[in-house]
Amino acid sequence: MLRNGLEPWHLLIVAIVVIVLFGSKKLPDTARSLGRSMRILKSEAKALKEEGATEPDSPAAAPAAPPVSPSEPAATDGRAR
């Protein structure tokens, strides 16, 4: 039954359903919008990849301060409470 996955007639049925749902007038606009979205996604993914390659030592990776042990008194700002 599903030995080869999608067969050509499956794609034909999907194409007919898409044309019926969206109509032949909106189909080019929909495809254009999808193409724009894919282009933006690719450019953002490429920018993220390049940013990660250029900044291997990011400040977020380093710890901000060493943890305070319970035996040491906590630092105060000098005001009495």
N, C-alpha and C. Protein backbone atom coordinates (compact mmCIF):
# COMPACT_ATOMS: atom_id res chain seq x y z
N MET A 1 0.83 -1.18 0.00
CA MET A 1 0.00 0.00 0.00
C MET A 1 0.88 1.25 0.00
N LEU A 2 1.71 1.47 1.04
CA LEU A 2 2.61 2.62 1.08
C LEU A 2 4.05 2.17 0.93
N ARG A 3 4.30 1.34 -0.03
CA ARG A 3 5.64 0.78 -0.17
C ARG A 3 6.64 1.79 -0.73
N ASN A 4 6.19 2.74 -1.52
CA ASN A 4 7.11 3.70 -2.13
C ASN A 4 6.87 5.13 -1.65
N GLY A 5 6.06 5.33 -0.66
CA GLY A 5 5.77 6.69 -0.20
C GLY A 5 4.82 7.39 -1.16
N LEU A 6 5.19 8.58 -1.58
CA LEU A 6 4.34 9.35 -2.49
C LEU A 6 4.55 8.90 -3.93
N GLU A 7 3.47 8.60 -4.57
CA GLU A 7 3.50 8.25 -5.99
C GLU A 7 3.00 9.44 -6.79
N PRO A 8 3.20 9.46 -8.09
CA PRO A 8 2.80 10.62 -8.90
C PRO A 8 1.31 10.97 -8.78
N TRP A 9 0.46 10.00 -8.65
CA TRP A 9 -0.97 10.33 -8.57
C TRP A 9 -1.31 10.97 -7.23
N HIS A 10 -0.51 10.69 -6.18
CA HIS A 10 -0.71 11.38 -4.89
C HIS A 10 -0.45 12.87 -5.06
N LEU A 11 0.64 13.20 -5.75
CA LEU A 11 0.97 14.60 -5.97
C LEU A 11 -0.09 15.30 -6.81
N LEU A 12 -0.66 14.60 -7.77
CA LEU A 12 -1.72 15.17 -8.60
C LEU A 12 -2.95 15.49 -7.76
N ILE A 13 -3.31 14.60 -6.87
CA ILE A 13 -4.47 14.84 -5.99
C ILE A 13 -4.20 16.02 -5.07
N VAL A 14 -3.00 16.11 -4.52
CA VAL A 14 -2.65 17.23 -3.64
C VAL A 14 -2.72 18.54 -4.42
N ALA A 15 -2.22 18.56 -5.64
CA ALA A 15 -2.26 19.77 -6.47
C ALA A 15 -3.70 20.20 -6.75
N ILE A 16 -4.57 19.25 -7.05
CA ILE A 16 -5.98 19.57 -7.32
C ILE A 16 -6.66 20.13 -6.08
N VAL A 17 -6.39 19.55 -4.92
CA VAL A 17 -6.97 20.03 -3.67
C VAL A 17 -6.49 21.45 -3.37
N VAL A 18 -5.22 21.72 -3.58
CA VAL A 18 -4.68 23.06 -3.33
C VAL A 18 -5.33 24.07 -4.26
N ILE A 19 -5.50 23.74 -5.51
CA ILE A 19 -6.13 24.66 -6.48
C ILE A 19 -7.58 24.92 -6.10
N VAL A 20 -8.29 23.89 -5.67
CA VAL A 20 -9.68 24.06 -5.27
C VAL A 20 -9.79 24.92 -4.02
N LEU A 21 -8.91 24.69 -3.04
CA LEU A 21 -8.97 25.44 -1.79
C LEU A 21 -8.59 26.90 -1.97
N PHE A 22 -7.49 27.17 -2.65
CA PHE A 22 -7.00 28.53 -2.75
C PHE A 22 -7.51 29.26 -3.98
N GLY A 23 -7.90 28.57 -4.98
CA GLY A 23 -8.34 29.21 -6.22
C GLY A 23 -7.14 29.54 -7.08
N SER A 24 -7.35 29.59 -8.37
CA SER A 24 -6.23 29.79 -9.28
C SER A 24 -5.73 31.23 -9.26
N LYS A 25 -6.53 32.18 -8.78
CA LYS A 25 -6.09 33.57 -8.75
C LYS A 25 -5.17 33.86 -7.57
N LYS A 26 -5.39 33.21 -6.44
CA LYS A 26 -4.57 33.47 -5.25
C LYS A 26 -3.33 32.60 -5.21
N LEU A 27 -3.26 31.59 -6.04
CA LEU A 27 -2.14 30.66 -6.01
C LEU A 27 -0.79 31.33 -6.30
N PRO A 28 -0.66 32.19 -7.32
CA PRO A 28 0.64 32.85 -7.55
C PRO A 28 1.06 33.75 -6.39
N ASP A 29 0.11 34.47 -5.79
CA ASP A 29 0.43 35.33 -4.64
C ASP A 29 0.90 34.50 -3.45
N THR A 30 0.25 33.37 -3.25
CA THR A 30 0.62 32.49 -2.15
C THR A 30 2.02 31.92 -2.37
N ALA A 31 2.32 31.51 -3.59
CA ALA A 31 3.64 30.97 -3.90
C ALA A 31 4.71 32.06 -3.75
N ARG A 32 4.41 33.28 -4.15
CA ARG A 32 5.35 34.38 -4.02
C ARG A 32 5.65 34.67 -2.54
N SER A 33 4.60 34.68 -1.73
CA SER A 33 4.77 34.92 -0.30
C SER A 33 5.60 33.80 0.35
N LEU A 34 5.35 32.58 -0.06
CA LEU A 34 6.10 31.45 0.46
C LEU A 34 7.58 31.56 0.07
N GLY A 35 7.84 31.98 -1.16
CA GLY A 35 9.22 32.16 -1.61
C GLY A 35 9.93 33.24 -0.81
N ARG A 36 9.24 34.36 -0.55
CA ARG A 36 9.83 35.45 0.25
C ARG A 36 10.15 34.95 1.66
N SER A 37 9.22 34.22 2.24
CA SER A 37 9.42 33.71 3.60
C SER A 37 10.61 32.77 3.65
N MET A 38 10.76 31.92 2.66
CA MET A 38 11.88 30.99 2.62
C MET A 38 13.20 31.74 2.47
N ARG A 39 13.21 32.80 1.65
CA ARG A 39 14.41 33.60 1.46
C ARG A 39 14.83 34.27 2.77
N ILE A 40 13.85 34.82 3.49
CA ILE A 40 14.13 35.47 4.77
C ILE A 40 14.66 34.45 5.77
N LEU A 41 14.04 33.29 5.82
CA LEU A 41 14.47 32.24 6.75
C LEU A 41 15.90 31.82 6.46
N LYS A 42 16.24 31.64 5.19
CA LYS A 42 17.60 31.25 4.82
C LYS A 42 18.61 32.32 5.21
N SER A 43 18.28 33.59 4.95
CA SER A 43 19.22 34.66 5.28
C SER A 43 19.42 34.78 6.79
N GLU A 44 18.35 34.63 7.56
CA GLU A 44 18.48 34.69 9.02
C GLU A 44 19.29 33.51 9.56
N ALA A 45 19.08 32.33 9.01
CA ALA A 45 19.84 31.16 9.45
C ALA A 45 21.32 31.33 9.11
N LYS A 46 21.60 31.89 7.94
CA LYS A 46 22.99 32.13 7.54
C LYS A 46 23.64 33.16 8.47
N ALA A 47 22.91 34.22 8.81
CA ALA A 47 23.44 35.25 9.70
C ALA A 47 23.71 34.68 11.08
N LEU A 48 22.82 33.83 11.57
CA LEU A 48 23.02 33.19 12.88
C LEU A 48 24.26 32.31 12.87
N LYS A 49 24.44 31.57 11.77
CA LYS A 49 25.59 30.69 11.65
C LYS A 49 26.89 31.50 11.64
N GLU A 50 26.90 32.60 10.88
CA GLU A 50 28.10 33.44 10.79
C GLU A 50 28.37 34.11 12.14
N GLU A 51 27.33 34.54 12.83
CA GLU A 51 27.50 35.18 14.13
C GLU A 51 28.08 34.20 15.14
N GLY A 52 27.63 32.99 15.11
CA GLY A 52 28.14 31.97 16.02
C GLY A 52 29.58 31.62 15.72
N ALA A 53 29.98 31.67 14.47
CA ALA A 53 31.34 31.33 14.09
C ALA A 53 32.31 32.45 14.45
N THR A 54 31.85 33.70 14.42
CA THR A 54 32.76 34.82 14.70
C THR A 54 32.90 35.10 16.18
N GLU A 55 31.95 34.67 17.02
CA GLU A 55 31.99 34.95 18.45
C GLU A 55 31.97 33.66 19.27
N PRO A 56 33.09 32.92 19.31
CA PRO A 56 33.07 31.68 20.09
C PRO A 56 33.08 31.93 21.59
N ASP A 57 33.67 33.05 22.04
CA ASP A 57 33.73 33.36 23.47
C ASP A 57 32.71 34.43 23.80
N SER A 58 31.47 34.04 23.88
CA SER A 58 30.43 35.02 24.19
C SER A 58 30.38 35.24 25.70
N PRO A 59 30.01 36.45 26.14
CA PRO A 59 29.95 36.72 27.59
C PRO A 59 28.90 35.89 28.31
N ALA A 60 27.90 35.41 27.61
CA ALA A 60 26.86 34.62 28.25
C ALA A 60 27.39 33.25 28.68
N ALA A 61 28.46 32.79 28.04
CA ALA A 61 29.00 31.47 28.36
C ALA A 61 29.80 31.49 29.66
N ALA A 62 30.41 32.63 30.01
CA ALA A 62 31.21 32.71 31.22
C ALA A 62 30.32 33.00 32.42
N PRO A 63 30.61 32.41 33.57
CA PRO A 63 29.79 32.69 34.76
C PRO A 63 30.00 34.13 35.23
N ALA A 64 28.96 34.75 35.72
CA ALA A 64 29.02 36.15 36.14
C ALA A 64 29.85 36.32 37.41
N ALA A 65 29.63 35.49 38.42
CA ALA A 65 30.36 35.58 39.67
C ALA A 65 30.41 34.20 40.30
N PRO A 66 31.44 33.91 41.07
CA PRO A 66 31.48 32.60 41.74
C PRO A 66 30.39 32.53 42.80
N PRO A 67 29.87 31.36 43.04
CA PRO A 67 28.82 31.22 44.05
C PRO A 67 29.37 31.51 45.45
N VAL A 68 28.55 32.08 46.29
CA VAL A 68 28.93 32.40 47.67
C VAL A 68 28.67 31.19 48.54
N SER A 69 29.68 30.81 49.32
CA SER A 69 29.48 29.66 50.20
C SER A 69 28.72 30.11 51.44
N PRO A 70 27.99 29.23 52.09
CA PRO A 70 27.19 29.61 53.26
C PRO A 70 28.04 30.07 54.45
N SER A 71 29.32 29.70 54.52
CA SER A 71 30.14 30.09 55.67
C SER A 71 30.58 31.55 55.58
N GLU A 72 30.58 32.14 54.37
CA GLU A 72 30.97 33.53 54.22
C GLU A 72 29.76 34.43 54.43
N PRO A 73 29.94 35.57 55.12
CA PRO A 73 28.81 36.48 55.30
C PRO A 73 28.46 37.16 53.97
N ALA A 74 27.20 37.44 53.80
CA ALA A 74 26.75 38.09 52.58
C ALA A 74 27.16 39.54 52.60
N ALA A 75 27.49 40.09 51.45
CA ALA A 75 27.89 41.50 51.36
C ALA A 75 26.66 42.38 51.51
N THR A 76 26.82 43.47 52.27
CA THR A 76 25.70 44.39 52.45
C THR A 76 26.11 45.76 51.94
N ASP A 77 25.16 46.62 51.77
CA ASP A 77 25.45 47.96 51.28
C ASP A 77 25.72 48.95 52.43
N GLY A 78 25.78 48.51 53.67
CA GLY A 78 26.14 49.35 54.80
C GLY A 78 24.95 49.96 55.50
N ARG A 79 23.76 49.80 55.04
CA ARG A 79 22.58 50.38 55.71
C ARG A 79 22.06 49.41 56.76
N ALA A 80 21.61 49.94 57.87
CA ALA A 80 21.01 49.11 58.92
C ALA A 80 19.55 48.89 58.59
N ARG A 81 19.07 47.77 59.03
CA ARG A 81 17.65 47.47 58.74
C ARG A 81 16.86 47.47 59.99
